[in-house]
Amino acid sequence: MGFGKSQGCTFMRVSVALCTYNGGRHLAEQLASIAAQSRRPDELVICDDRSSDSTVEILTNFAQSAPFPVRLYRNEENLGSTRNFEKAIGLCQGELVALCDQDDVWYAHKLQSLAGVLESHPMLGGAFSDADLIREDSRLLGSRLWGRVHFAPAENAAMTADIAKILLKHDLVTGATLMFRADKRELILPVCPPWIHDGWIAWMLALYSSVASLRVPLMQYRVHDSQQVGIGPRSLLGRIQRAQQVGRAEYRLMARKFEIVRDRWCERPGENFRSRLQDLEGKIRHSYLRAELPRNRFMRLYRILGALHEYRKYGRGPISAGKDLILDLN
């Protein structure tokens, strides 16, 4: 993985932060995979967001027989996914925190692999992995998570050195694949809206720490229609249809999100402050450029050609540029 020489290994307590909401259909399968870990968690912290199905019953029954402590909290009001994860993270007592969704399946070596990397390399603030994709019915899709979020293997060498350069282009770190040090909570919490928890956590770790990527898939990530935040359609037609839904408002939202990251960076400067600030300012400018492209396609082409360098640095290069050229921006 290219982390350099290990600085020694210290055994650390692992907390799993699981958030649930009407997840009864797949929850038992996920819980069974946590119980089957080769390295069991030291605790499972569950925050249920006022489920109305069988979720709480499944959790209660599991807690009675689980081979590790289980702490179940039922919210008095519906918090939504991000605030619910904030709560769960804050309640964890271990030195390492692994985020967990209610409908995935973990491979038996997931916690052991992630914790081992963090224990062996104290300079790392977090670590995440790839994942195999599965259908609603648990059948493998034959593809992996990183491929669907456009994380090319060629980028992997740069990941351990500077994850922020990749995050400028696209979201990469899926919360369900992530483990991080609990002492980073001061940087991570609270999550600043409109960021979703995993996107914000990834940026805070990238700016103020180092993050490792494990190319091996450590879990099965379920793809289905009821996900709050999906990973995008698989087919070409589906991708085109999704791209057509992208409008100026989405680019303005992206600019606003990075303004928030920039403001945090200015309030709490870290290493390489000026270069990081330049990157964030550039991402903001590029997002506003995309939001304000002319409707006339000849004028739009002229503007896009003049910004090709930015499209390469802050997006998918010609693919992003071509999308902005041919699609009707609403």
C-alpha atoms as a PDB file:
ATOM      1  CA  MET A   1       0.000   0.000   0.000  1.00  0.00           C
ATOM      2  CA  GLY A   2       2.983   2.274   0.061  1.00  0.00           C
ATOM      3  CA  PHE A   3       2.720   3.518   3.648  1.00  0.00           C
ATOM      4  CA  GLY A   4       6.440   3.232   4.376  1.00  0.00           C
ATOM      5  CA  LYS A   5       8.024   1.507   7.329  1.00  0.00           C
ATOM      6  CA  SER A   6       5.705   0.640  10.189  1.00  0.00           C
ATOM      7  CA  GLN A   7       6.241   2.633  13.366  1.00  0.00           C
ATOM      8  CA  GLY A   8       5.064  -0.158  15.629  1.00  0.00           C
ATOM      9  CA  CYS A   9       1.677  -1.674  16.314  1.00  0.00           C
ATOM     10  CA  THR A  10      -0.509  -0.853  19.316  1.00  0.00           C
ATOM     11  CA  PHE A  11      -3.744  -2.749  19.870  1.00  0.00           C
ATOM     12  CA  MET A  12      -6.630  -0.275  19.943  1.00  0.00           C
ATOM     13  CA  ARG A  13     -10.307  -0.607  20.818  1.00  0.00           C
ATOM     14  CA  VAL A  14     -12.647  -0.592  17.825  1.00  0.00           C
ATOM     15  CA  SER A  15     -16.137   0.890  17.914  1.00  0.00           C
ATOM     16  CA  VAL A  16     -18.661   0.305  15.146  1.00  0.00           C
ATOM     17  CA  ALA A  17     -21.134   3.155  14.618  1.00  0.00           C
ATOM     18  CA  LEU A  18     -24.305   1.800  12.997  1.00  0.00           C
ATOM     19  CA  CYS A  19     -27.218   4.036  12.021  1.00  0.00           C
ATOM     20  CA  THR A  20     -30.604   2.524  11.224  1.00  0.00           C
ATOM     21  CA  TYR A  21     -33.931   3.662   9.838  1.00  0.00           C
ATOM     22  CA  ASN A  22     -36.556   1.193   8.623  1.00  0.00           C
ATOM     23  CA  GLY A  23     -33.845  -1.226   7.582  1.00  0.00           C
ATOM     24  CA  GLY A  24     -35.511  -4.444   8.622  1.00  0.00           C
ATOM     25  CA  ARG A  25     -35.231  -6.105   5.235  1.00  0.00           C
ATOM     26  CA  HIS A  26     -31.421  -6.405   5.155  1.00  0.00           C
ATOM     27  CA  LEU A  27     -30.393  -5.585   8.720  1.00  0.00           C
ATOM     28  CA  ALA A  28     -30.056  -9.151  10.013  1.00  0.00           C
ATOM     29  CA  GLU A  29     -27.590  -9.977   7.242  1.00  0.00           C
ATOM     30  CA  GLN A  30     -25.456  -6.980   8.122  1.00  0.00           C
ATOM     31  CA  LEU A  31     -25.510  -7.751  11.840  1.00  0.00           C
ATOM     32  CA  ALA A  32     -24.507 -11.352  11.174  1.00  0.00           C
ATOM     33  CA  SER A  33     -21.512 -10.169   9.166  1.00  0.00           C
ATOM     34  CA  ILE A  34     -20.398  -7.909  12.038  1.00  0.00           C
ATOM     35  CA  ALA A  35     -20.698 -10.800  14.502  1.00  0.00           C
ATOM     36  CA  ALA A  36     -18.599 -12.968  12.173  1.00  0.00           C
ATOM     37  CA  GLN A  37     -15.621 -10.590  12.075  1.00  0.00           C
ATOM     38  CA  SER A  38     -12.231 -12.214  12.601  1.00  0.00           C
ATOM     39  CA  ARG A  39     -11.501  -9.259  14.847  1.00  0.00           C
ATOM     40  CA  ARG A  40     -14.668  -8.508  16.738  1.00  0.00           C
ATOM     41  CA  PRO A  41     -15.517  -4.929  17.609  1.00  0.00           C
ATOM     42  CA  ASP A  42     -15.138  -3.851  21.206  1.00  0.00           C
ATOM     43  CA  GLU A  43     -18.585  -2.311  20.998  1.00  0.00           C
ATOM     44  CA  LEU A  44     -21.426  -1.763  18.552  1.00  0.00           C
ATOM     45  CA  VAL A  45     -23.111   1.621  18.956  1.00  0.00           C
ATOM     46  CA  ILE A  46     -26.498   1.826  17.213  1.00  0.00           C
ATOM     47  CA  CYS A  47     -28.599   4.943  16.755  1.00  0.00           C
ATOM     48  CA  ASP A  48     -32.058   4.238  15.395  1.00  0.00           C
ATOM     49  CA  ASP A  49     -33.809   7.176  13.765  1.00  0.00           C
ATOM     50  CA  ARG A  50     -37.377   6.305  14.830  1.00  0.00           C
ATOM     51  CA  SER A  51     -37.899   3.225  12.686  1.00  0.00           C
ATOM     52  CA  SER A  52     -41.486   2.062  12.239  1.00  0.00           C
ATOM     53  CA  ASP A  53     -40.759  -1.431  10.866  1.00  0.00           C
ATOM     54  CA  SER A  54     -39.084  -4.455  12.465  1.00  0.00           C
ATOM     55  CA  THR A  55     -35.701  -2.734  12.819  1.00  0.00           C
ATOM     56  CA  VAL A  56     -35.748  -2.163  16.588  1.00  0.00           C
ATOM     57  CA  GLU A  57     -36.955  -5.710  17.277  1.00  0.00           C
ATOM     58  CA  ILE A  58     -34.136  -7.143  15.164  1.00  0.00           C
ATOM     59  CA  LEU A  59     -31.591  -4.947  16.959  1.00  0.00           C
ATOM     60  CA  THR A  60     -32.919  -5.824  20.408  1.00  0.00           C
ATOM     61  CA  ASN A  61     -32.790  -9.550  19.702  1.00  0.00           C
ATOM     62  CA  PHE A  62     -29.280  -9.263  18.297  1.00  0.00           C
ATOM     63  CA  ALA A  63     -28.040  -7.325  21.337  1.00  0.00           C
ATOM     64  CA  GLN A  64     -29.113 -10.157  23.631  1.00  0.00           C
ATOM     65  CA  SER A  65     -26.849 -12.704  21.941  1.00  0.00           C
ATOM     66  CA  ALA A  66     -24.070 -10.624  20.379  1.00  0.00           C
ATOM     67  CA  PRO A  67     -20.491 -11.663  21.319  1.00  0.00           C
ATOM     68  CA  PHE A  68     -19.614  -8.039  22.146  1.00  0.00           C
ATOM     69  CA  PRO A  69     -21.318  -5.114  23.918  1.00  0.00           C
ATOM     70  CA  VAL A  70     -24.186  -3.522  21.991  1.00  0.00           C
ATOM     71  CA  ARG A  71     -25.564  -0.106  22.928  1.00  0.00           C
ATOM     72  CA  LEU A  72     -28.847   0.813  21.256  1.00  0.00           C
ATOM     73  CA  TYR A  73     -30.162   4.389  21.270  1.00  0.00           C
ATOM     74  CA  ARG A  74     -33.580   5.369  19.901  1.00  0.00           C
ATOM     75  CA  ASN A  75     -33.842   8.982  18.829  1.00  0.00           C
ATOM     76  CA  GLU A  76     -36.653  11.051  20.316  1.00  0.00           C
ATOM     77  CA  GLU A  77     -37.052  12.800  16.963  1.00  0.00           C
ATOM     78  CA  ASN A  78     -36.023  11.956  13.426  1.00  0.00           C
ATOM     79  CA  LEU A  79     -32.537  13.358  12.891  1.00  0.00           C
ATOM     80  CA  GLY A  80     -31.806  12.321   9.325  1.00  0.00           C
ATOM     81  CA  SER A  81     -28.784  10.316   8.226  1.00  0.00           C
ATOM     82  CA  THR A  82     -26.025  12.857   8.763  1.00  0.00           C
ATOM     83  CA  ARG A  83     -27.096  14.037  12.230  1.00  0.00           C
ATOM     84  CA  ASN A  84     -27.742  10.456  13.248  1.00  0.00           C
ATOM     85  CA  PHE A  85     -24.181   9.509  12.318  1.00  0.00           C
ATOM     86  CA  GLU A  86     -22.935  12.556  14.229  1.00  0.00           C
ATOM     87  CA  LYS A  87     -24.693  11.215  17.297  1.00  0.00           C
ATOM     88  CA  ALA A  88     -23.396   7.669  16.853  1.00  0.00           C
ATOM     89  CA  ILE A  89     -19.813   8.825  16.319  1.00  0.00           C
ATOM     90  CA  GLY A  90     -19.991  10.988  19.418  1.00  0.00           C
ATOM     91  CA  LEU A  91     -21.162   8.035  21.527  1.00  0.00           C
ATOM     92  CA  CYS A  92     -18.342   5.694  20.508  1.00  0.00           C
ATOM     93  CA  GLN A  93     -15.804   4.915  23.228  1.00  0.00           C
ATOM     94  CA  GLY A  94     -13.112   3.134  21.198  1.00  0.00           C
ATOM     95  CA  GLU A  95      -9.946   4.683  19.821  1.00  0.00           C
ATOM     96  CA  LEU A  96     -10.951   3.622  16.303  1.00  0.00           C
ATOM     97  CA  VAL A  97     -14.408   4.189  14.775  1.00  0.00           C
ATOM     98  CA  ALA A  98     -15.795   2.212  11.829  1.00  0.00           C
ATOM     99  CA  LEU A  99     -18.919   3.582  10.163  1.00  0.00           C
ATOM    100  CA  CYS A 100     -21.615   1.087   9.247  1.00  0.00           C
ATOM    101  CA  ASP A 101     -24.731   1.208   7.069  1.00  0.00           C
ATOM    102  CA  GLN A 102     -27.716  -1.002   7.780  1.00  0.00           C
ATOM    103  CA  ASP A 103     -27.976  -2.860   4.486  1.00  0.00           C
ATOM    104  CA  ASP A 104     -24.467  -3.953   3.481  1.00  0.00           C
ATOM    105  CA  VAL A 105     -22.498  -7.137   4.176  1.00  0.00           C
ATOM    106  CA  TRP A 106     -18.991  -7.091   5.635  1.00  0.00           C
ATOM    107  CA  TYR A 107     -16.311  -9.612   4.758  1.00  0.00           C
ATOM    108  CA  ALA A 108     -14.889 -11.322   7.832  1.00  0.00           C
ATOM    109  CA  HIS A 109     -11.522  -9.527   7.667  1.00  0.00           C
ATOM    110  CA  LYS A 110     -12.871  -5.970   7.300  1.00  0.00           C
ATOM    111  CA  LEU A 111     -12.236  -4.672  10.820  1.00  0.00           C
ATOM    112  CA  GLN A 112      -8.972  -6.567  11.162  1.00  0.00           C
ATOM    113  CA  SER A 113      -7.617  -5.118   7.919  1.00  0.00           C
ATOM    114  CA  LEU A 114      -8.580  -1.499   8.568  1.00  0.00           C
ATOM    115  CA  ALA A 115      -7.589  -1.503  12.234  1.00  0.00           C
ATOM    116  CA  GLY A 116      -4.292  -3.200  11.431  1.00  0.00           C
ATOM    117  CA  VAL A 117      -3.326  -0.437   9.015  1.00  0.00           C
ATOM    118  CA  LEU A 118      -4.168   2.337  11.482  1.00  0.00           C
ATOM    119  CA  GLU A 119      -2.453   0.595  14.391  1.00  0.00           C
ATOM    120  CA  SER A 120       0.712   0.030  12.380  1.00  0.00           C
ATOM    121  CA  HIS A 121       0.900   3.560  10.979  1.00  0.00           C
ATOM    122  CA  PRO A 122       0.207   6.215  13.629  1.00  0.00           C
ATOM    123  CA  MET A 123       0.453   9.080  11.136  1.00  0.00           C
ATOM    124  CA  LEU A 124      -2.729   7.920   9.423  1.00  0.00           C
ATOM    125  CA  GLY A 125      -5.992   9.517  10.486  1.00  0.00           C
ATOM    126  CA  GLY A 126      -8.191   7.103   8.570  1.00  0.00           C
ATOM    127  CA  ALA A 127      -8.348   4.234   6.104  1.00  0.00           C
ATOM    128  CA  PHE A 128     -10.976   3.066   3.630  1.00  0.00           C
ATOM    129  CA  SER A 129     -11.359   0.276   1.106  1.00  0.00           C
ATOM    130  CA  ASP A 130     -12.966  -0.754  -2.121  1.00  0.00           C
ATOM    131  CA  ALA A 131     -16.180  -2.814  -2.068  1.00  0.00           C
ATOM    132  CA  ASP A 132     -17.969  -5.359  -4.212  1.00  0.00           C
ATOM    133  CA  LEU A 133     -21.376  -4.196  -5.409  1.00  0.00           C
ATOM    134  CA  ILE A 134     -24.453  -6.347  -4.810  1.00  0.00           C
ATOM    135  CA  ARG A 135     -28.063  -6.142  -5.909  1.00  0.00           C
ATOM    136  CA  GLU A 136     -31.146  -5.758  -3.770  1.00  0.00           C
ATOM    137  CA  ASP A 137     -31.341  -9.571  -3.636  1.00  0.00           C
ATOM    138  CA  SER A 138     -27.675  -9.869  -2.508  1.00  0.00           C
ATOM    139  CA  ARG A 139     -26.400 -11.142  -5.855  1.00  0.00           C
ATOM    140  CA  LEU A 140     -23.035  -9.754  -6.952  1.00  0.00           C
ATOM    141  CA  LEU A 141     -23.210  -7.157  -9.722  1.00  0.00           C
ATOM    142  CA  GLY A 142     -19.756  -8.070 -11.005  1.00  0.00           C
ATOM    143  CA  SER A 143     -18.347  -4.587 -10.438  1.00  0.00           C
ATOM    144  CA  ARG A 144     -16.742  -2.639  -7.633  1.00  0.00           C
ATOM    145  CA  LEU A 145     -17.436   0.591  -5.810  1.00  0.00           C
ATOM    146  CA  TRP A 146     -14.316   2.464  -6.890  1.00  0.00           C
ATOM    147  CA  GLY A 147     -15.100   1.816 -10.532  1.00  0.00           C
ATOM    148  CA  ARG A 148     -18.536   3.381 -10.134  1.00  0.00           C
ATOM    149  CA  VAL A 149     -17.152   6.509  -8.470  1.00  0.00           C
ATOM    150  CA  HIS A 150     -14.500   6.826 -11.204  1.00  0.00           C
ATOM    151  CA  PHE A 151     -11.492   6.062  -9.015  1.00  0.00           C
ATOM    152  CA  ALA A 152      -8.974   4.748 -11.532  1.00  0.00           C
ATOM    153  CA  PRO A 153      -6.210   2.369 -10.389  1.00  0.00           C
ATOM    154  CA  ALA A 154      -3.647   4.790 -11.802  1.00  0.00           C
ATOM    155  CA  GLU A 155      -4.659   7.245  -9.111  1.00  0.00           C
ATOM    156  CA  ASN A 156      -4.025   4.795  -6.316  1.00  0.00           C
ATOM    157  CA  ALA A 157      -0.350   5.622  -5.926  1.00  0.00           C
ATOM    158  CA  ALA A 158      -1.242   9.239  -5.181  1.00  0.00           C
ATOM    159  CA  MET A 159      -3.969   8.372  -2.716  1.00  0.00           C
ATOM    160  CA  THR A 160      -1.849   7.797   0.345  1.00  0.00           C
ATOM    161  CA  ALA A 161       0.172  10.922  -0.395  1.00  0.00           C
ATOM    162  CA  ASP A 162      -2.651  13.378  -1.036  1.00  0.00           C
ATOM    163  CA  ILE A 163      -6.265  12.265  -1.012  1.00  0.00           C
ATOM    164  CA  ALA A 164      -7.378  15.910  -1.300  1.00  0.00           C
ATOM    165  CA  LYS A 165      -6.218  16.056  -4.926  1.00  0.00           C
ATOM    166  CA  ILE A 166      -8.636  13.253  -5.782  1.00  0.00           C
ATOM    167  CA  LEU A 167     -11.473  14.684  -3.684  1.00  0.00           C
ATOM    168  CA  LEU A 168     -11.232  17.893  -5.723  1.00  0.00           C
ATOM    169  CA  LYS A 169     -12.355  15.837  -8.720  1.00  0.00           C
ATOM    170  CA  HIS A 170     -15.073  13.675  -7.225  1.00  0.00           C
ATOM    171  CA  ASP A 171     -16.429  12.113  -4.046  1.00  0.00           C
ATOM    172  CA  LEU A 172     -14.526   8.958  -3.299  1.00  0.00           C
ATOM    173  CA  VAL A 173     -14.712   7.897   0.340  1.00  0.00           C
ATOM    174  CA  THR A 174     -17.914   6.001   1.062  1.00  0.00           C
ATOM    175  CA  GLY A 175     -18.636   6.096   4.784  1.00  0.00           C
ATOM    176  CA  ALA A 176     -19.432   2.393   5.049  1.00  0.00           C
ATOM    177  CA  THR A 177     -15.859   1.558   3.965  1.00  0.00           C
ATOM    178  CA  LEU A 178     -14.164   3.994   6.375  1.00  0.00           C
ATOM    179  CA  MET A 179     -12.428   3.664   9.735  1.00  0.00           C
ATOM    180  CA  PHE A 180     -10.840   6.654  11.463  1.00  0.00           C
ATOM    181  CA  ARG A 181      -9.217   7.631  14.738  1.00  0.00           C
ATOM    182  CA  ALA A 182     -11.638   8.818  17.392  1.00  0.00           C
ATOM    183  CA  ASP A 183      -9.270  11.625  18.374  1.00  0.00           C
ATOM    184  CA  LYS A 184     -10.131  13.294  15.043  1.00  0.00           C
ATOM    185  CA  ARG A 185     -13.712  13.920  16.192  1.00  0.00           C
ATOM    186  CA  GLU A 186     -12.875  17.482  17.181  1.00  0.00           C
ATOM    187  CA  LEU A 187     -12.125  18.172  13.515  1.00  0.00           C
ATOM    188  CA  ILE A 188     -14.986  16.124  12.124  1.00  0.00           C
ATOM    189  CA  LEU A 189     -17.930  17.138  14.312  1.00  0.00           C
ATOM    190  CA  PRO A 190     -20.252  18.783  13.752  1.00  0.00           C
ATOM    191  CA  VAL A 191     -20.753  18.087  10.050  1.00  0.00           C
ATOM    192  CA  CYS A 192     -21.360  21.379   8.278  1.00  0.00           C
ATOM    193  CA  PRO A 193     -24.440  21.315   6.009  1.00  0.00           C
ATOM    194  CA  PRO A 194     -25.075  20.883   3.158  1.00  0.00           C
ATOM    195  CA  TRP A 195     -22.282  18.296   3.377  1.00  0.00           C
ATOM    196  CA  ILE A 196     -23.251  14.681   4.011  1.00  0.00           C
ATOM    197  CA  HIS A 197     -21.295  13.018   6.804  1.00  0.00           C
ATOM    198  CA  ASP A 198     -18.905  10.869   4.777  1.00  0.00           C
ATOM    199  CA  GLY A 199     -17.976  13.633   2.323  1.00  0.00           C
ATOM    200  CA  TRP A 200     -17.255  16.053   5.163  1.00  0.00           C
ATOM    201  CA  ILE A 201     -15.296  13.490   7.184  1.00  0.00           C
ATOM    202  CA  ALA A 202     -13.176  12.636   4.141  1.00  0.00           C
ATOM    203  CA  TRP A 203     -12.261  16.287   3.629  1.00  0.00           C
ATOM    204  CA  MET A 204     -11.409  16.916   7.276  1.00  0.00           C
ATOM    205  CA  LEU A 205      -9.175  13.847   7.370  1.00  0.00           C
ATOM    206  CA  ALA A 206      -7.570  14.791   4.057  1.00  0.00           C
ATOM    207  CA  LEU A 207      -6.781  18.349   5.169  1.00  0.00           C
ATOM    208  CA  TYR A 208      -5.582  17.685   8.689  1.00  0.00           C
ATOM    209  CA  SER A 209      -4.259  14.135   8.515  1.00  0.00           C
ATOM    210  CA  SER A 210      -3.404  11.322   6.102  1.00  0.00           C
ATOM    211  CA  VAL A 211      -5.783   8.722   4.705  1.00  0.00           C
ATOM    212  CA  ALA A 212      -4.927   5.272   3.358  1.00  0.00           C
ATOM    213  CA  SER A 213      -6.783   3.352   0.677  1.00  0.00           C
ATOM    214  CA  LEU A 214      -6.988  -0.440   0.617  1.00  0.00           C
ATOM    215  CA  ARG A 215      -7.531  -1.687  -2.912  1.00  0.00           C
ATOM    216  CA  VAL A 216      -8.957  -5.002  -1.748  1.00  0.00           C
ATOM    217  CA  PRO A 217     -12.761  -5.012  -1.324  1.00  0.00           C
ATOM    218  CA  LEU A 218     -13.594  -5.503   2.350  1.00  0.00           C
ATOM    219  CA  MET A 219     -17.376  -5.542   2.073  1.00  0.00           C
ATOM    220  CA  GLN A 220     -20.382  -5.869  -0.189  1.00  0.00           C
ATOM    221  CA  TYR A 221     -22.100  -2.551  -0.866  1.00  0.00           C
ATOM    222  CA  ARG A 222     -25.784  -2.893  -1.664  1.00  0.00           C
ATOM    223  CA  VAL A 223     -27.212  -0.871  -4.553  1.00  0.00           C
ATOM    224  CA  HIS A 224     -30.958  -0.245  -4.430  1.00  0.00           C
ATOM    225  CA  ASP A 225     -33.562   2.434  -5.068  1.00  0.00           C
ATOM    226  CA  SER A 226     -34.208   3.354  -1.431  1.00  0.00           C
ATOM    227  CA  GLN A 227     -30.672   4.527  -0.718  1.00  0.00           C
ATOM    228  CA  GLN A 228     -30.472   8.099   0.525  1.00  0.00           C
ATOM    229  CA  VAL A 229     -27.288   8.668  -1.441  1.00  0.00           C
ATOM    230  CA  GLY A 230     -26.593   6.281  -4.291  1.00  0.00           C
ATOM    231  CA  ILE A 231     -23.484   5.785  -6.373  1.00  0.00           C
ATOM    232  CA  GLY A 232     -25.016   6.415  -9.756  1.00  0.00           C
ATOM    233  CA  PRO A 233     -26.512   4.202 -12.467  1.00  0.00           C
ATOM    234  CA  ARG A 234     -24.524   1.425 -14.085  1.00  0.00           C
ATOM    235  CA  SER A 235     -25.766   1.540 -17.675  1.00  0.00           C
ATOM    236  CA  LEU A 236     -24.721   4.138 -20.240  1.00  0.00           C
ATOM    237  CA  LEU A 237     -28.357   5.177 -20.697  1.00  0.00           C
ATOM    238  CA  GLY A 238     -28.743   5.574 -16.951  1.00  0.00           C
ATOM    239  CA  ARG A 239     -25.627   7.712 -16.754  1.00  0.00           C
ATOM    240  CA  ILE A 240     -26.838   9.939 -19.577  1.00  0.00           C
ATOM    241  CA  GLN A 241     -30.235  10.352 -17.933  1.00  0.00           C
ATOM    242  CA  ARG A 242     -28.596  11.228 -14.624  1.00  0.00           C
ATOM    243  CA  ALA A 243     -26.254  13.692 -16.309  1.00  0.00           C
ATOM    244  CA  GLN A 244     -29.235  15.419 -17.891  1.00  0.00           C
ATOM    245  CA  GLN A 245     -30.615  16.081 -14.426  1.00  0.00           C
ATOM    246  CA  VAL A 246     -27.502  18.040 -13.432  1.00  0.00           C
ATOM    247  CA  GLY A 247     -28.217  21.734 -13.575  1.00  0.00           C
ATOM    248  CA  ARG A 248     -26.842  25.058 -12.519  1.00  0.00           C
ATOM    249  CA  ALA A 249     -28.250  24.654  -9.008  1.00  0.00           C
ATOM    250  CA  GLU A 250     -26.122  21.541  -8.444  1.00  0.00           C
ATOM    251  CA  TYR A 251     -22.954  23.360  -9.486  1.00  0.00           C
ATOM    252  CA  ARG A 252     -23.826  26.277  -7.216  1.00  0.00           C
ATOM    253  CA  LEU A 253     -24.378  23.831  -4.372  1.00  0.00           C
ATOM    254  CA  MET A 254     -20.967  22.318  -5.045  1.00  0.00           C
ATOM    255  CA  ALA A 255     -19.410  25.783  -4.922  1.00  0.00           C
ATOM    256  CA  ARG A 256     -21.134  26.493  -1.623  1.00  0.00           C
ATOM    257  CA  LYS A 257     -19.925  23.228  -0.120  1.00  0.00           C
ATOM    258  CA  PHE A 258     -16.331  24.028  -0.991  1.00  0.00           C
ATOM    259  CA  GLU A 259     -16.710  27.554   0.317  1.00  0.00           C
ATOM    260  CA  ILE A 260     -17.542  25.955   3.658  1.00  0.00           C
ATOM    261  CA  VAL A 261     -14.444  23.736   3.506  1.00  0.00           C
ATOM    262  CA  ARG A 262     -12.332  26.759   2.554  1.00  0.00           C
ATOM    263  CA  ASP A 263     -13.711  28.781   5.443  1.00  0.00           C
ATOM    264  CA  ARG A 264     -12.914  25.960   7.886  1.00  0.00           C
ATOM    265  CA  TRP A 265      -9.401  25.742   6.436  1.00  0.00           C
ATOM    266  CA  CYS A 266      -8.892  29.479   6.923  1.00  0.00           C
ATOM    267  CA  GLU A 267     -10.225  29.328  10.479  1.00  0.00           C
ATOM    268  CA  ARG A 268      -7.955  26.410  11.335  1.00  0.00           C
ATOM    269  CA  PRO A 269      -4.907  26.498   9.048  1.00  0.00           C
ATOM    270  CA  GLY A 270      -2.921  23.313   8.639  1.00  0.00           C
ATOM    271  CA  GLU A 271       0.141  22.125   6.755  1.00  0.00           C
ATOM    272  CA  ASN A 272       0.585  23.362   3.178  1.00  0.00           C
ATOM    273  CA  PHE A 273      -1.931  26.084   3.920  1.00  0.00           C
ATOM    274  CA  ARG A 274      -1.396  28.230   0.819  1.00  0.00           C
ATOM    275  CA  SER A 275      -1.396  25.406  -1.724  1.00  0.00           C
ATOM    276  CA  ARG A 276      -4.491  23.842  -0.144  1.00  0.00           C
ATOM    277  CA  LEU A 277      -6.221  27.210  -0.153  1.00  0.00           C
ATOM    278  CA  GLN A 278      -5.392  27.729  -3.814  1.00  0.00           C
ATOM    279  CA  ASP A 279      -6.853  24.327  -4.672  1.00  0.00           C
ATOM    280  CA  LEU A 280     -10.066  25.016  -2.771  1.00  0.00           C
ATOM    281  CA  GLU A 281     -10.427  28.489  -4.297  1.00  0.00           C
ATOM    282  CA  GLY A 282      -9.862  26.990  -7.722  1.00  0.00           C
ATOM    283  CA  LYS A 283     -12.562  24.367  -7.153  1.00  0.00           C
ATOM    284  CA  ILE A 284     -14.988  27.096  -6.090  1.00  0.00           C
ATOM    285  CA  ARG A 285     -14.244  29.230  -9.163  1.00  0.00           C
ATOM    286  CA  HIS A 286     -14.592  26.226 -11.455  1.00  0.00           C
ATOM    287  CA  SER A 287     -17.932  25.252  -9.920  1.00  0.00           C
ATOM    288  CA  TYR A 288     -19.280  28.755 -10.443  1.00  0.00           C
ATOM    289  CA  LEU A 289     -17.942  28.740 -14.002  1.00  0.00           C
ATOM    290  CA  ARG A 290     -19.946  25.587 -14.712  1.00  0.00           C
ATOM    291  CA  ALA A 291     -23.026  27.096 -13.069  1.00  0.00           C
ATOM    292  CA  GLU A 292     -22.817  30.198 -15.236  1.00  0.00           C
ATOM    293  CA  LEU A 293     -22.016  28.722 -18.665  1.00  0.00           C
ATOM    294  CA  PRO A 294     -23.835  30.534 -21.505  1.00  0.00           C
ATOM    295  CA  ARG A 295     -26.886  28.900 -23.020  1.00  0.00           C
ATOM    296  CA  ASN A 296     -25.534  29.612 -26.507  1.00  0.00           C
ATOM    297  CA  ARG A 297     -23.433  26.563 -27.302  1.00  0.00           C
ATOM    298  CA  PHE A 298     -20.848  28.435 -29.411  1.00  0.00           C
ATOM    299  CA  MET A 299     -20.190  30.812 -26.538  1.00  0.00           C
ATOM    300  CA  ARG A 300     -20.269  27.884 -24.142  1.00  0.00           C
ATOM    301  CA  LEU A 301     -17.662  26.023 -26.210  1.00  0.00           C
ATOM    302  CA  TYR A 302     -15.376  29.061 -26.096  1.00  0.00           C
ATOM    303  CA  ARG A 303     -15.699  29.250 -22.299  1.00  0.00           C
ATOM    304  CA  ILE A 304     -15.127  25.508 -21.860  1.00  0.00           C
ATOM    305  CA  LEU A 305     -12.057  25.411 -24.106  1.00  0.00           C
ATOM    306  CA  GLY A 306     -10.523  28.188 -22.051  1.00  0.00           C
ATOM    307  CA  ALA A 307     -11.062  26.151 -18.882  1.00  0.00           C
ATOM    308  CA  LEU A 308      -9.875  22.699 -20.005  1.00  0.00           C
ATOM    309  CA  HIS A 309      -7.043  22.750 -17.484  1.00  0.00           C
ATOM    310  CA  GLU A 310      -9.571  23.313 -14.708  1.00  0.00           C
ATOM    311  CA  TYR A 311     -11.783  20.512 -16.033  1.00  0.00           C
ATOM    312  CA  ARG A 312      -8.793  18.168 -15.726  1.00  0.00           C
ATOM    313  CA  LYS A 313      -7.858  19.338 -12.240  1.00  0.00           C
ATOM    314  CA  TYR A 314     -11.340  19.601 -10.740  1.00  0.00           C
ATOM    315  CA  GLY A 315     -13.347  17.085 -12.754  1.00  0.00           C
ATOM    316  CA  ARG A 316     -13.031  14.219 -15.207  1.00  0.00           C
ATOM    317  CA  GLY A 317     -11.358  16.273 -17.895  1.00  0.00           C
ATOM    318  CA  PRO A 318     -12.850  15.895 -21.395  1.00  0.00           C
ATOM    319  CA  ILE A 319     -15.757  13.838 -20.049  1.00  0.00           C
ATOM    320  CA  SER A 320     -16.896  16.637 -17.734  1.00  0.00           C
ATOM    321  CA  ALA A 321     -16.249  19.259 -20.387  1.00  0.00           C
ATOM    322  CA  GLY A 322     -18.195  17.315 -23.001  1.00  0.00           C
ATOM    323  CA  LYS A 323     -21.127  16.869 -20.648  1.00  0.00           C
ATOM    324  CA  ASP A 324     -21.301  20.597 -20.011  1.00  0.00           C
ATOM    325  CA  LEU A 325     -21.139  21.297 -23.727  1.00  0.00           C
ATOM    326  CA  ILE A 326     -23.877  18.992 -24.980  1.00  0.00           C
ATOM    327  CA  LEU A 327     -26.368  18.994 -22.121  1.00  0.00           C
ATOM    328  CA  ASP A 328     -29.080  21.552 -21.601  1.00  0.00           C
ATOM    329  CA  LEU A 329     -28.191  23.303 -18.349  1.00  0.00           C
ATOM    330  CA  ASN A 330     -31.395  24.165 -16.523  1.00  0.00           C
END
